[in-house]
């Protein structure tokens, strides 16, 4: 039985890696090339006025654009090369925790059945609203930020061939990383399913998922996103939608929660080199995710009750 579970999980993992890889590889390739063109600098210049409205200098556009088009590592690498105050670094960290790797993670959400406008509205909205609130509420943090250990960055590629080679290498590494996470994860999930442990886990999570307005069969989706993030946890999420009968409403609510708060370990610890306190960052993410999901779930439930009343009448 264990061998059958392993085989089935392996096949699902390979299928999921192929499905997501067809999205991740070209997107990573294109964005890696774009950073050597005038496109990204133009975007940075275009959003400079917006930066000033949320208490950030114009150069803060650089890590925000890199973080949203590439990933958190690129954004943090950019922050470490710039001179910001503690408050500015914290605002950037909060914004990037809500909105990063936007193209790939939004596409992944779309493949799970969530409308892309919902993902973009929630992520970008939370990023800029949180920045504005922190800028207005926090009157301290004016000292210069002292960064932790700075890892040496590679020299930029020079020449068309070198740029293309670097882009292909980055895209290829992204697929390998995806496979190394998704395939073992899908095998483990399949084994847990066949051993009926996931059913027990769903029952344990049931009070939380019900409180957030979802059925208990969304617990696997929630756990995968919280631990592994939207991109890497997407395999479990997509499988859950297909096999566990997760409704479109529940998967949308789950993604609203997860776009606000996903990969809580990695995406929190990654900000430590910036020298900011990470506990407030984690609490902000979890608090906003719970509050937003409760509000949307409550509105959704009320709208459903009103429609049912109108039908009965």
C-alpha atoms as a PDB file:
ATOM      1  CA  UNK A   1       0.000   0.000   0.000  1.00  0.00           C
ATOM      2  CA  UNK A   2       2.830   2.382   0.845  1.00  0.00           C
ATOM      3  CA  UNK A   3       4.430   1.677  -2.536  1.00  0.00           C
ATOM      4  CA  UNK A   4       1.165   2.498  -4.315  1.00  0.00           C
ATOM      5  CA  UNK A   5       0.850   5.752  -2.360  1.00  0.00           C
ATOM      6  CA  UNK A   6       4.458   6.648  -3.238  1.00  0.00           C
ATOM      7  CA  UNK A   7       3.875   5.924  -6.932  1.00  0.00           C
ATOM      8  CA  UNK A   8       0.640   7.905  -7.080  1.00  0.00           C
ATOM      9  CA  UNK A   9       2.187  10.837  -5.190  1.00  0.00           C
ATOM     10  CA  UNK A  10       5.231  10.777  -7.503  1.00  0.00           C
ATOM     11  CA  UNK A  11       3.051  10.901 -10.614  1.00  0.00           C
ATOM     12  CA  UNK A  12       0.925  13.735  -9.205  1.00  0.00           C
ATOM     13  CA  UNK A  13       4.090  15.623  -8.181  1.00  0.00           C
ATOM     14  CA  UNK A  14       5.627  15.278 -11.648  1.00  0.00           C
ATOM     15  CA  UNK A  15       2.363  16.334 -13.293  1.00  0.00           C
ATOM     16  CA  UNK A  16       2.111  19.357 -10.992  1.00  0.00           C
ATOM     17  CA  UNK A  17       5.757  20.320 -11.562  1.00  0.00           C
ATOM     18  CA  UNK A  18       5.195  20.182 -15.321  1.00  0.00           C
ATOM     19  CA  UNK A  19       1.985  22.214 -15.071  1.00  0.00           C
ATOM     20  CA  UNK A  20       3.527  24.936 -12.885  1.00  0.00           C
ATOM     21  CA  UNK A  21       6.865  24.793 -14.689  1.00  0.00           C
ATOM     22  CA  UNK A  22       5.177  25.828 -17.938  1.00  0.00           C
ATOM     23  CA  UNK A  23       4.267  29.065 -16.147  1.00  0.00           C
ATOM     24  CA  UNK A  24       7.331  29.642 -13.968  1.00  0.00           C
ATOM     25  CA  UNK A  25      10.021  28.998 -16.595  1.00  0.00           C
ATOM     26  CA  UNK A  26       8.906  31.550 -19.249  1.00  0.00           C
ATOM     27  CA  UNK A  27       7.942  34.178 -16.660  1.00  0.00           C
ATOM     28  CA  UNK A  28      11.305  33.917 -14.890  1.00  0.00           C
ATOM     29  CA  UNK A  29      13.085  33.983 -18.257  1.00  0.00           C
ATOM     30  CA  UNK A  30      11.262  37.103 -19.469  1.00  0.00           C
ATOM     31  CA  UNK A  31      11.602  39.062 -16.217  1.00  0.00           C
ATOM     32  CA  UNK A  32      15.301  38.166 -15.906  1.00  0.00           C
ATOM     33  CA  UNK A  33      15.879  39.601 -19.373  1.00  0.00           C
ATOM     34  CA  UNK A  34      13.705  42.677 -18.710  1.00  0.00           C
ATOM     35  CA  UNK A  35      15.932  43.799 -15.834  1.00  0.00           C
ATOM     36  CA  UNK A  36      18.643  44.497 -18.452  1.00  0.00           C
ATOM     37  CA  UNK A  37      16.269  46.625 -20.557  1.00  0.00           C
ATOM     38  CA  UNK A  38      14.815  50.120 -19.947  1.00  0.00           C
ATOM     39  CA  UNK A  39      11.443  48.591 -18.926  1.00  0.00           C
ATOM     40  CA  UNK A  40      12.085  48.053 -15.189  1.00  0.00           C
ATOM     41  CA  UNK A  41      13.892  51.429 -14.731  1.00  0.00           C
ATOM     42  CA  UNK A  42      10.927  53.100 -16.461  1.00  0.00           C
ATOM     43  CA  UNK A  43       8.508  51.438 -14.045  1.00  0.00           C
ATOM     44  CA  UNK A  44      10.633  52.525 -11.082  1.00  0.00           C
ATOM     45  CA  UNK A  45      10.584  56.133 -12.266  1.00  0.00           C
ATOM     46  CA  UNK A  46       6.823  56.004 -12.913  1.00  0.00           C
ATOM     47  CA  UNK A  47       5.953  55.030  -9.326  1.00  0.00           C
ATOM     48  CA  UNK A  48       8.373  57.419  -7.588  1.00  0.00           C
ATOM     49  CA  UNK A  49       5.587  59.999  -6.867  1.00  0.00           C
ATOM     50  CA  UNK A  50       3.527  57.254  -5.230  1.00  0.00           C
ATOM     51  CA  UNK A  51       6.460  56.362  -2.977  1.00  0.00           C
ATOM     52  CA  UNK A  52       6.473  59.835  -1.471  1.00  0.00           C
ATOM     53  CA  UNK A  53       2.785  59.517  -0.531  1.00  0.00           C
ATOM     54  CA  UNK A  54       3.548  56.573   1.754  1.00  0.00           C
ATOM     55  CA  UNK A  55       6.639  58.042   3.388  1.00  0.00           C
ATOM     56  CA  UNK A  56       9.270  56.415   1.176  1.00  0.00           C
ATOM     57  CA  UNK A  57      12.001  58.019  -0.919  1.00  0.00           C
ATOM     58  CA  UNK A  58      12.008  57.602  -4.703  1.00  0.00           C
ATOM     59  CA  UNK A  59      14.705  54.919  -4.677  1.00  0.00           C
ATOM     60  CA  UNK A  60      12.362  52.680  -2.651  1.00  0.00           C
ATOM     61  CA  UNK A  61      10.725  51.928  -6.004  1.00  0.00           C
ATOM     62  CA  UNK A  62      13.749  49.777  -6.892  1.00  0.00           C
ATOM     63  CA  UNK A  63      13.248  46.978  -4.301  1.00  0.00           C
ATOM     64  CA  UNK A  64       9.458  47.143  -4.730  1.00  0.00           C
ATOM     65  CA  UNK A  65       9.618  46.644  -8.493  1.00  0.00           C
ATOM     66  CA  UNK A  66      12.265  43.919  -8.198  1.00  0.00           C
ATOM     67  CA  UNK A  67      10.345  42.167  -5.431  1.00  0.00           C
ATOM     68  CA  UNK A  68       7.075  42.178  -7.340  1.00  0.00           C
ATOM     69  CA  UNK A  69       8.529  41.201 -10.711  1.00  0.00           C
ATOM     70  CA  UNK A  70      11.215  38.808  -9.432  1.00  0.00           C
ATOM     71  CA  UNK A  71      11.201  37.651  -5.789  1.00  0.00           C
ATOM     72  CA  UNK A  72      11.915  38.680  -2.196  1.00  0.00           C
ATOM     73  CA  UNK A  73      15.596  37.821  -2.496  1.00  0.00           C
ATOM     74  CA  UNK A  74      16.072  40.338  -5.321  1.00  0.00           C
ATOM     75  CA  UNK A  75      14.189  42.993  -3.331  1.00  0.00           C
ATOM     76  CA  UNK A  76      16.220  42.436  -0.162  1.00  0.00           C
ATOM     77  CA  UNK A  77      19.437  42.476  -2.183  1.00  0.00           C
ATOM     78  CA  UNK A  78      18.427  45.914  -3.490  1.00  0.00           C
ATOM     79  CA  UNK A  79      17.512  47.213  -0.008  1.00  0.00           C
ATOM     80  CA  UNK A  80      20.916  46.175   1.329  1.00  0.00           C
ATOM     81  CA  UNK A  81      22.623  48.386  -1.255  1.00  0.00           C
ATOM     82  CA  UNK A  82      20.564  51.499  -0.405  1.00  0.00           C
ATOM     83  CA  UNK A  83      20.513  53.881   2.559  1.00  0.00           C
ATOM     84  CA  UNK A  84      17.149  53.840   4.365  1.00  0.00           C
ATOM     85  CA  UNK A  85      15.878  54.631   7.867  1.00  0.00           C
ATOM     86  CA  UNK A  86      14.581  51.870  10.175  1.00  0.00           C
ATOM     87  CA  UNK A  87      11.017  53.044   9.545  1.00  0.00           C
ATOM     88  CA  UNK A  88      11.481  53.014   5.765  1.00  0.00           C
ATOM     89  CA  UNK A  89      12.963  49.499   5.844  1.00  0.00           C
ATOM     90  CA  UNK A  90      10.094  48.257   8.009  1.00  0.00           C
ATOM     91  CA  UNK A  91       7.516  49.783   5.634  1.00  0.00           C
ATOM     92  CA  UNK A  92       9.251  48.125   2.690  1.00  0.00           C
ATOM     93  CA  UNK A  93       9.342  44.785   4.524  1.00  0.00           C
ATOM     94  CA  UNK A  94       5.603  44.925   5.278  1.00  0.00           C
ATOM     95  CA  UNK A  95       4.763  45.916   1.699  1.00  0.00           C
ATOM     96  CA  UNK A  96       6.927  43.163   0.233  1.00  0.00           C
ATOM     97  CA  UNK A  97       5.524  40.547   2.621  1.00  0.00           C
ATOM     98  CA  UNK A  98       2.059  41.256   1.181  1.00  0.00           C
ATOM     99  CA  UNK A  99       3.067  41.780  -2.438  1.00  0.00           C
ATOM    100  CA  UNK A 100       5.982  39.924  -4.057  1.00  0.00           C
ATOM    101  CA  UNK A 101       6.652  37.495  -6.922  1.00  0.00           C
ATOM    102  CA  UNK A 102       3.393  38.888  -8.239  1.00  0.00           C
ATOM    103  CA  UNK A 103       3.347  37.480 -11.781  1.00  0.00           C
ATOM    104  CA  UNK A 104       4.096  33.849 -10.920  1.00  0.00           C
ATOM    105  CA  UNK A 105       2.047  33.651  -7.713  1.00  0.00           C
ATOM    106  CA  UNK A 106      -0.958  35.369  -9.317  1.00  0.00           C
ATOM    107  CA  UNK A 107      -0.812  32.979 -12.278  1.00  0.00           C
ATOM    108  CA  UNK A 108      -0.656  30.041  -9.870  1.00  0.00           C
ATOM    109  CA  UNK A 109      -3.729  31.337  -8.051  1.00  0.00           C
ATOM    110  CA  UNK A 110      -5.506  31.619 -11.394  1.00  0.00           C
ATOM    111  CA  UNK A 111      -4.730  27.962 -12.158  1.00  0.00           C
ATOM    112  CA  UNK A 112      -6.428  27.023  -8.884  1.00  0.00           C
ATOM    113  CA  UNK A 113      -9.571  28.830 -10.025  1.00  0.00           C
ATOM    114  CA  UNK A 114      -9.175  32.217  -8.306  1.00  0.00           C
ATOM    115  CA  UNK A 115      -9.809  35.329 -10.406  1.00  0.00           C
ATOM    116  CA  UNK A 116      -6.614  37.284 -10.971  1.00  0.00           C
ATOM    117  CA  UNK A 117      -8.222  40.661 -10.183  1.00  0.00           C
ATOM    118  CA  UNK A 118      -9.013  39.423  -6.657  1.00  0.00           C
ATOM    119  CA  UNK A 119      -5.392  38.399  -6.063  1.00  0.00           C
ATOM    120  CA  UNK A 120      -3.947  41.643  -7.447  1.00  0.00           C
ATOM    121  CA  UNK A 121      -6.448  43.854  -5.603  1.00  0.00           C
ATOM    122  CA  UNK A 122      -5.837  42.149  -2.256  1.00  0.00           C
ATOM    123  CA  UNK A 123      -2.038  41.993  -2.507  1.00  0.00           C
ATOM    124  CA  UNK A 124      -1.388  45.476  -3.908  1.00  0.00           C
ATOM    125  CA  UNK A 125      -4.141  47.025  -1.797  1.00  0.00           C
ATOM    126  CA  UNK A 126      -2.792  45.544   1.434  1.00  0.00           C
ATOM    127  CA  UNK A 127       0.752  46.588   0.531  1.00  0.00           C
ATOM    128  CA  UNK A 128      -0.063  50.255  -0.001  1.00  0.00           C
ATOM    129  CA  UNK A 129      -2.723  50.581   2.723  1.00  0.00           C
ATOM    130  CA  UNK A 130      -0.398  49.019   5.329  1.00  0.00           C
ATOM    131  CA  UNK A 131       2.428  51.331   4.248  1.00  0.00           C
ATOM    132  CA  UNK A 132       0.203  54.406   4.556  1.00  0.00           C
ATOM    133  CA  UNK A 133      -1.053  53.345   8.009  1.00  0.00           C
ATOM    134  CA  UNK A 134       2.464  52.627   9.338  1.00  0.00           C
ATOM    135  CA  UNK A 135       3.701  55.941   7.960  1.00  0.00           C
ATOM    136  CA  UNK A 136       0.901  57.830   9.728  1.00  0.00           C
ATOM    137  CA  UNK A 137       0.918  55.892  13.023  1.00  0.00           C
ATOM    138  CA  UNK A 138       4.633  55.306  13.652  1.00  0.00           C
ATOM    139  CA  UNK A 139       6.493  58.513  14.433  1.00  0.00           C
ATOM    140  CA  UNK A 140       9.792  56.854  15.363  1.00  0.00           C
ATOM    141  CA  UNK A 141      12.320  54.824  13.417  1.00  0.00           C
ATOM    142  CA  UNK A 142      14.177  57.847  12.091  1.00  0.00           C
ATOM    143  CA  UNK A 143      17.673  56.437  12.655  1.00  0.00           C
ATOM    144  CA  UNK A 144      19.626  54.941   9.789  1.00  0.00           C
ATOM    145  CA  UNK A 145      19.050  51.213   9.291  1.00  0.00           C
ATOM    146  CA  UNK A 146      21.970  48.950  10.208  1.00  0.00           C
ATOM    147  CA  UNK A 147      21.878  45.846   8.072  1.00  0.00           C
ATOM    148  CA  UNK A 148      23.078  42.429   9.122  1.00  0.00           C
ATOM    149  CA  UNK A 149      25.336  40.129   7.162  1.00  0.00           C
ATOM    150  CA  UNK A 150      25.314  41.103   3.493  1.00  0.00           C
ATOM    151  CA  UNK A 151      25.906  38.305   1.034  1.00  0.00           C
ATOM    152  CA  UNK A 152      28.024  39.212  -1.952  1.00  0.00           C
ATOM    153  CA  UNK A 153      25.994  39.540  -5.123  1.00  0.00           C
ATOM    154  CA  UNK A 154      27.016  38.340  -8.567  1.00  0.00           C
ATOM    155  CA  UNK A 155      28.262  40.819 -11.144  1.00  0.00           C
ATOM    156  CA  UNK A 156      25.593  41.729 -13.722  1.00  0.00           C
ATOM    157  CA  UNK A 157      25.813  39.879 -17.014  1.00  0.00           C
ATOM    158  CA  UNK A 158      27.375  41.712 -19.951  1.00  0.00           C
ATOM    159  CA  UNK A 159      26.381  40.999 -23.547  1.00  0.00           C
ATOM    160  CA  UNK A 160      23.323  39.390 -25.125  1.00  0.00           C
ATOM    161  CA  UNK A 161      24.605  35.821 -24.870  1.00  0.00           C
ATOM    162  CA  UNK A 162      25.536  36.216 -21.174  1.00  0.00           C
ATOM    163  CA  UNK A 163      22.149  37.797 -20.366  1.00  0.00           C
ATOM    164  CA  UNK A 164      20.255  34.983 -22.122  1.00  0.00           C
ATOM    165  CA  UNK A 165      22.414  32.340 -20.430  1.00  0.00           C
ATOM    166  CA  UNK A 166      21.811  33.907 -16.997  1.00  0.00           C
ATOM    167  CA  UNK A 167      18.050  34.094 -17.658  1.00  0.00           C
ATOM    168  CA  UNK A 168      17.871  30.442 -18.755  1.00  0.00           C
ATOM    169  CA  UNK A 169      19.966  29.417 -15.736  1.00  0.00           C
ATOM    170  CA  UNK A 170      17.674  31.281 -13.308  1.00  0.00           C
ATOM    171  CA  UNK A 171      14.557  29.798 -14.921  1.00  0.00           C
ATOM    172  CA  UNK A 172      16.070  26.306 -14.877  1.00  0.00           C
ATOM    173  CA  UNK A 173      17.088  26.576 -11.226  1.00  0.00           C
ATOM    174  CA  UNK A 174      13.560  27.737 -10.430  1.00  0.00           C
ATOM    175  CA  UNK A 175      12.097  24.579 -11.986  1.00  0.00           C
ATOM    176  CA  UNK A 176      14.595  22.331 -10.160  1.00  0.00           C
ATOM    177  CA  UNK A 177      13.762  24.018  -6.845  1.00  0.00           C
ATOM    178  CA  UNK A 178      10.068  23.623  -7.600  1.00  0.00           C
ATOM    179  CA  UNK A 179      10.469  19.899  -8.323  1.00  0.00           C
ATOM    180  CA  UNK A 180      12.585  19.316  -5.200  1.00  0.00           C
ATOM    181  CA  UNK A 181       9.801  20.767  -3.062  1.00  0.00           C
ATOM    182  CA  UNK A 182       6.613  19.794  -4.906  1.00  0.00           C
ATOM    183  CA  UNK A 183       7.366  16.122  -5.692  1.00  0.00           C
ATOM    184  CA  UNK A 184       8.322  15.045  -2.112  1.00  0.00           C
ATOM    185  CA  UNK A 185       5.440  17.153  -0.797  1.00  0.00           C
ATOM    186  CA  UNK A 186       2.903  15.455  -3.070  1.00  0.00           C
ATOM    187  CA  UNK A 187       4.257  12.013  -2.113  1.00  0.00           C
ATOM    188  CA  UNK A 188       3.972  12.872   1.589  1.00  0.00           C
ATOM    189  CA  UNK A 189       0.450  14.255   1.111  1.00  0.00           C
ATOM    190  CA  UNK A 190      -0.629  11.096  -0.758  1.00  0.00           C
ATOM    191  CA  UNK A 191       0.787   8.838   1.984  1.00  0.00           C
ATOM    192  CA  UNK A 192      -0.953  10.897   4.657  1.00  0.00           C
ATOM    193  CA  UNK A 193      -4.200  10.720   2.703  1.00  0.00           C
ATOM    194  CA  UNK A 194      -4.017   6.956   2.302  1.00  0.00           C
ATOM    195  CA  UNK A 195      -3.209   6.552   5.997  1.00  0.00           C
ATOM    196  CA  UNK A 196      -6.262   8.730   6.730  1.00  0.00           C
ATOM    197  CA  UNK A 197      -4.147  11.189   8.727  1.00  0.00           C
ATOM    198  CA  UNK A 198      -5.266  14.135   6.629  1.00  0.00           C
ATOM    199  CA  UNK A 199      -8.860  13.430   7.603  1.00  0.00           C
ATOM    200  CA  UNK A 200      -7.891  13.675  11.265  1.00  0.00           C
ATOM    201  CA  UNK A 201      -5.952  16.866  10.544  1.00  0.00           C
ATOM    202  CA  UNK A 202      -8.976  18.341   8.768  1.00  0.00           C
ATOM    203  CA  UNK A 203     -11.128  17.671  11.819  1.00  0.00           C
ATOM    204  CA  UNK A 204      -8.553  19.372  14.046  1.00  0.00           C
ATOM    205  CA  UNK A 205      -8.479  22.401  11.729  1.00  0.00           C
ATOM    206  CA  UNK A 206     -12.257  22.437  11.280  1.00  0.00           C
ATOM    207  CA  UNK A 207     -12.994  25.095  13.955  1.00  0.00           C
ATOM    208  CA  UNK A 208     -10.463  27.487  12.394  1.00  0.00           C
ATOM    209  CA  UNK A 209     -11.616  26.959   8.810  1.00  0.00           C
ATOM    210  CA  UNK A 210     -15.273  27.277   9.837  1.00  0.00           C
ATOM    211  CA  UNK A 211     -14.493  30.487  11.738  1.00  0.00           C
ATOM    212  CA  UNK A 212     -12.935  31.872   8.566  1.00  0.00           C
ATOM    213  CA  UNK A 213     -16.036  30.857   6.581  1.00  0.00           C
ATOM    214  CA  UNK A 214     -14.610  27.744   4.845  1.00  0.00           C
ATOM    215  CA  UNK A 215     -15.351  24.027   4.903  1.00  0.00           C
ATOM    216  CA  UNK A 216     -12.866  21.734   6.636  1.00  0.00           C
ATOM    217  CA  UNK A 217     -11.646  20.237   3.340  1.00  0.00           C
ATOM    218  CA  UNK A 218      -9.706  23.477   2.756  1.00  0.00           C
ATOM    219  CA  UNK A 219      -7.330  22.670   5.633  1.00  0.00           C
ATOM    220  CA  UNK A 220      -4.779  20.977   3.331  1.00  0.00           C
ATOM    221  CA  UNK A 221      -4.793  23.973   1.024  1.00  0.00           C
ATOM    222  CA  UNK A 222      -4.293  26.332   3.960  1.00  0.00           C
ATOM    223  CA  UNK A 223      -1.458  24.303   5.497  1.00  0.00           C
ATOM    224  CA  UNK A 224       0.399  24.003   2.177  1.00  0.00           C
ATOM    225  CA  UNK A 225       0.212  27.743   1.515  1.00  0.00           C
ATOM    226  CA  UNK A 226       1.188  28.729   5.044  1.00  0.00           C
ATOM    227  CA  UNK A 227       4.226  26.444   5.098  1.00  0.00           C
ATOM    228  CA  UNK A 228       5.420  26.460   1.486  1.00  0.00           C
ATOM    229  CA  UNK A 229       3.983  29.613  -0.074  1.00  0.00           C
ATOM    230  CA  UNK A 230       1.701  30.146  -3.054  1.00  0.00           C
ATOM    231  CA  UNK A 231       4.114  28.988  -5.746  1.00  0.00           C
ATOM    232  CA  UNK A 232       5.422  25.857  -4.019  1.00  0.00           C
ATOM    233  CA  UNK A 233       2.219  25.034  -2.175  1.00  0.00           C
ATOM    234  CA  UNK A 234       0.166  25.425  -5.339  1.00  0.00           C
ATOM    235  CA  UNK A 235       0.482  21.749  -6.228  1.00  0.00           C
ATOM    236  CA  UNK A 236      -1.360  20.720  -3.077  1.00  0.00           C
ATOM    237  CA  UNK A 237      -3.877  23.512  -3.528  1.00  0.00           C
ATOM    238  CA  UNK A 238      -4.691  22.595  -7.123  1.00  0.00           C
ATOM    239  CA  UNK A 239      -4.943  18.907  -6.218  1.00  0.00           C
ATOM    240  CA  UNK A 240      -7.232  19.743  -3.293  1.00  0.00           C
ATOM    241  CA  UNK A 241      -9.547  21.709  -5.572  1.00  0.00           C
ATOM    242  CA  UNK A 242      -9.666  18.819  -8.062  1.00  0.00           C
ATOM    243  CA  UNK A 243      -9.866  15.840  -5.659  1.00  0.00           C
ATOM    244  CA  UNK A 244     -11.287  17.090  -2.356  1.00  0.00           C
ATOM    245  CA  UNK A 245     -14.224  18.964  -3.833  1.00  0.00           C
ATOM    246  CA  UNK A 246     -13.178  22.371  -2.492  1.00  0.00           C
ATOM    247  CA  UNK A 247     -15.770  24.878  -3.689  1.00  0.00           C
ATOM    248  CA  UNK A 248     -14.882  28.007  -5.644  1.00  0.00           C
ATOM    249  CA  UNK A 249     -16.016  30.144  -2.707  1.00  0.00           C
ATOM    250  CA  UNK A 250     -13.795  28.270  -0.257  1.00  0.00           C
ATOM    251  CA  UNK A 251     -10.734  28.255  -2.512  1.00  0.00           C
ATOM    252  CA  UNK A 252     -11.194  32.012  -3.067  1.00  0.00           C
ATOM    253  CA  UNK A 253     -11.420  32.629   0.691  1.00  0.00           C
ATOM    254  CA  UNK A 254      -8.391  30.393   1.258  1.00  0.00           C
ATOM    255  CA  UNK A 255      -6.376  32.364  -1.298  1.00  0.00           C
ATOM    256  CA  UNK A 256      -7.507  35.686   0.173  1.00  0.00           C
ATOM    257  CA  UNK A 257      -6.060  34.458   3.474  1.00  0.00           C
ATOM    258  CA  UNK A 258      -2.921  33.051   1.855  1.00  0.00           C
ATOM    259  CA  UNK A 259      -2.085  36.036  -0.355  1.00  0.00           C
ATOM    260  CA  UNK A 260      -2.027  38.018   2.877  1.00  0.00           C
ATOM    261  CA  UNK A 261      -0.096  35.426   4.869  1.00  0.00           C
ATOM    262  CA  UNK A 262       1.807  32.591   3.187  1.00  0.00           C
ATOM    263  CA  UNK A 263       5.191  30.889   3.648  1.00  0.00           C
ATOM    264  CA  UNK A 264       5.146  32.382   7.146  1.00  0.00           C
ATOM    265  CA  UNK A 265       8.484  30.882   8.194  1.00  0.00           C
ATOM    266  CA  UNK A 266      10.603  31.651   5.122  1.00  0.00           C
ATOM    267  CA  UNK A 267       8.992  34.976   4.215  1.00  0.00           C
ATOM    268  CA  UNK A 268       9.447  36.224   7.792  1.00  0.00           C
ATOM    269  CA  UNK A 269      12.968  34.989   8.526  1.00  0.00           C
ATOM    270  CA  UNK A 270      14.219  36.307   5.190  1.00  0.00           C
ATOM    271  CA  UNK A 271      13.890  39.876   6.514  1.00  0.00           C
ATOM    272  CA  UNK A 272      16.280  39.298   9.454  1.00  0.00           C
ATOM    273  CA  UNK A 273      19.348  40.570   7.511  1.00  0.00           C
ATOM    274  CA  UNK A 274      17.603  43.945   7.246  1.00  0.00           C
ATOM    275  CA  UNK A 275      17.999  44.439  10.992  1.00  0.00           C
ATOM    276  CA  UNK A 276      14.281  44.964  11.704  1.00  0.00           C
ATOM    277  CA  UNK A 277      12.136  43.193  14.340  1.00  0.00           C
ATOM    278  CA  UNK A 278      10.382  40.344  12.537  1.00  0.00           C
ATOM    279  CA  UNK A 279       7.771  39.505  15.210  1.00  0.00           C
ATOM    280  CA  UNK A 280       5.692  42.647  14.514  1.00  0.00           C
ATOM    281  CA  UNK A 281       5.934  41.822  10.803  1.00  0.00           C
ATOM    282  CA  UNK A 282       4.609  38.287  11.403  1.00  0.00           C
ATOM    283  CA  UNK A 283       1.788  39.501  13.674  1.00  0.00           C
ATOM    284  CA  UNK A 284       0.730  42.131  11.125  1.00  0.00           C
ATOM    285  CA  UNK A 285       0.546  39.503   8.371  1.00  0.00           C
ATOM    286  CA  UNK A 286      -1.438  36.978  10.419  1.00  0.00           C
ATOM    287  CA  UNK A 287      -3.745  39.623  11.908  1.00  0.00           C
ATOM    288  CA  UNK A 288      -4.548  41.205   8.552  1.00  0.00           C
ATOM    289  CA  UNK A 289      -5.089  37.784   6.906  1.00  0.00           C
ATOM    290  CA  UNK A 290      -7.548  36.644   9.594  1.00  0.00           C
ATOM    291  CA  UNK A 291      -9.414  39.977   9.680  1.00  0.00           C
ATOM    292  CA  UNK A 292      -9.691  40.310   5.889  1.00  0.00           C
ATOM    293  CA  UNK A 293     -10.863  36.700   5.431  1.00  0.00           C
ATOM    294  CA  UNK A 294     -13.464  37.089   8.199  1.00  0.00           C
ATOM    295  CA  UNK A 295     -14.795  40.296   6.625  1.00  0.00           C
ATOM    296  CA  UNK A 296     -14.981  38.865   3.090  1.00  0.00           C
ATOM    297  CA  UNK A 297     -16.480  35.587   4.358  1.00  0.00           C
ATOM    298  CA  UNK A 298     -19.095  37.462   6.369  1.00  0.00           C
ATOM    299  CA  UNK A 299     -20.054  39.650   3.386  1.00  0.00           C
ATOM    300  CA  UNK A 300     -20.198  36.575   1.141  1.00  0.00           C
ATOM    301  CA  UNK A 301     -22.402  34.699   3.624  1.00  0.00           C
ATOM    302  CA  UNK A 302     -24.755  37.660   4.064  1.00  0.00           C
ATOM    303  CA  UNK A 303     -25.052  38.141   0.298  1.00  0.00           C
ATOM    304  CA  UNK A 304     -25.892  34.433  -0.075  1.00  0.00           C
ATOM    305  CA  UNK A 305     -28.599  34.657   2.613  1.00  0.00           C
ATOM    306  CA  UNK A 306     -30.133  37.689   0.886  1.00  0.00           C
ATOM    307  CA  UNK A 307     -30.192  35.867  -2.482  1.00  0.00           C
ATOM    308  CA  UNK A 308     -31.821  32.807  -0.907  1.00  0.00           C
ATOM    309  CA  UNK A 309     -34.514  35.006   0.691  1.00  0.00           C
ATOM    310  CA  UNK A 310     -35.215  36.695  -2.640  1.00  0.00           C
ATOM    311  CA  UNK A 311     -35.567  33.282  -4.342  1.00  0.00           C
ATOM    312  CA  UNK A 312     -37.922  32.013  -1.635  1.00  0.00           C
ATOM    313  CA  UNK A 313     -40.063  35.123  -1.912  1.00  0.00           C
END
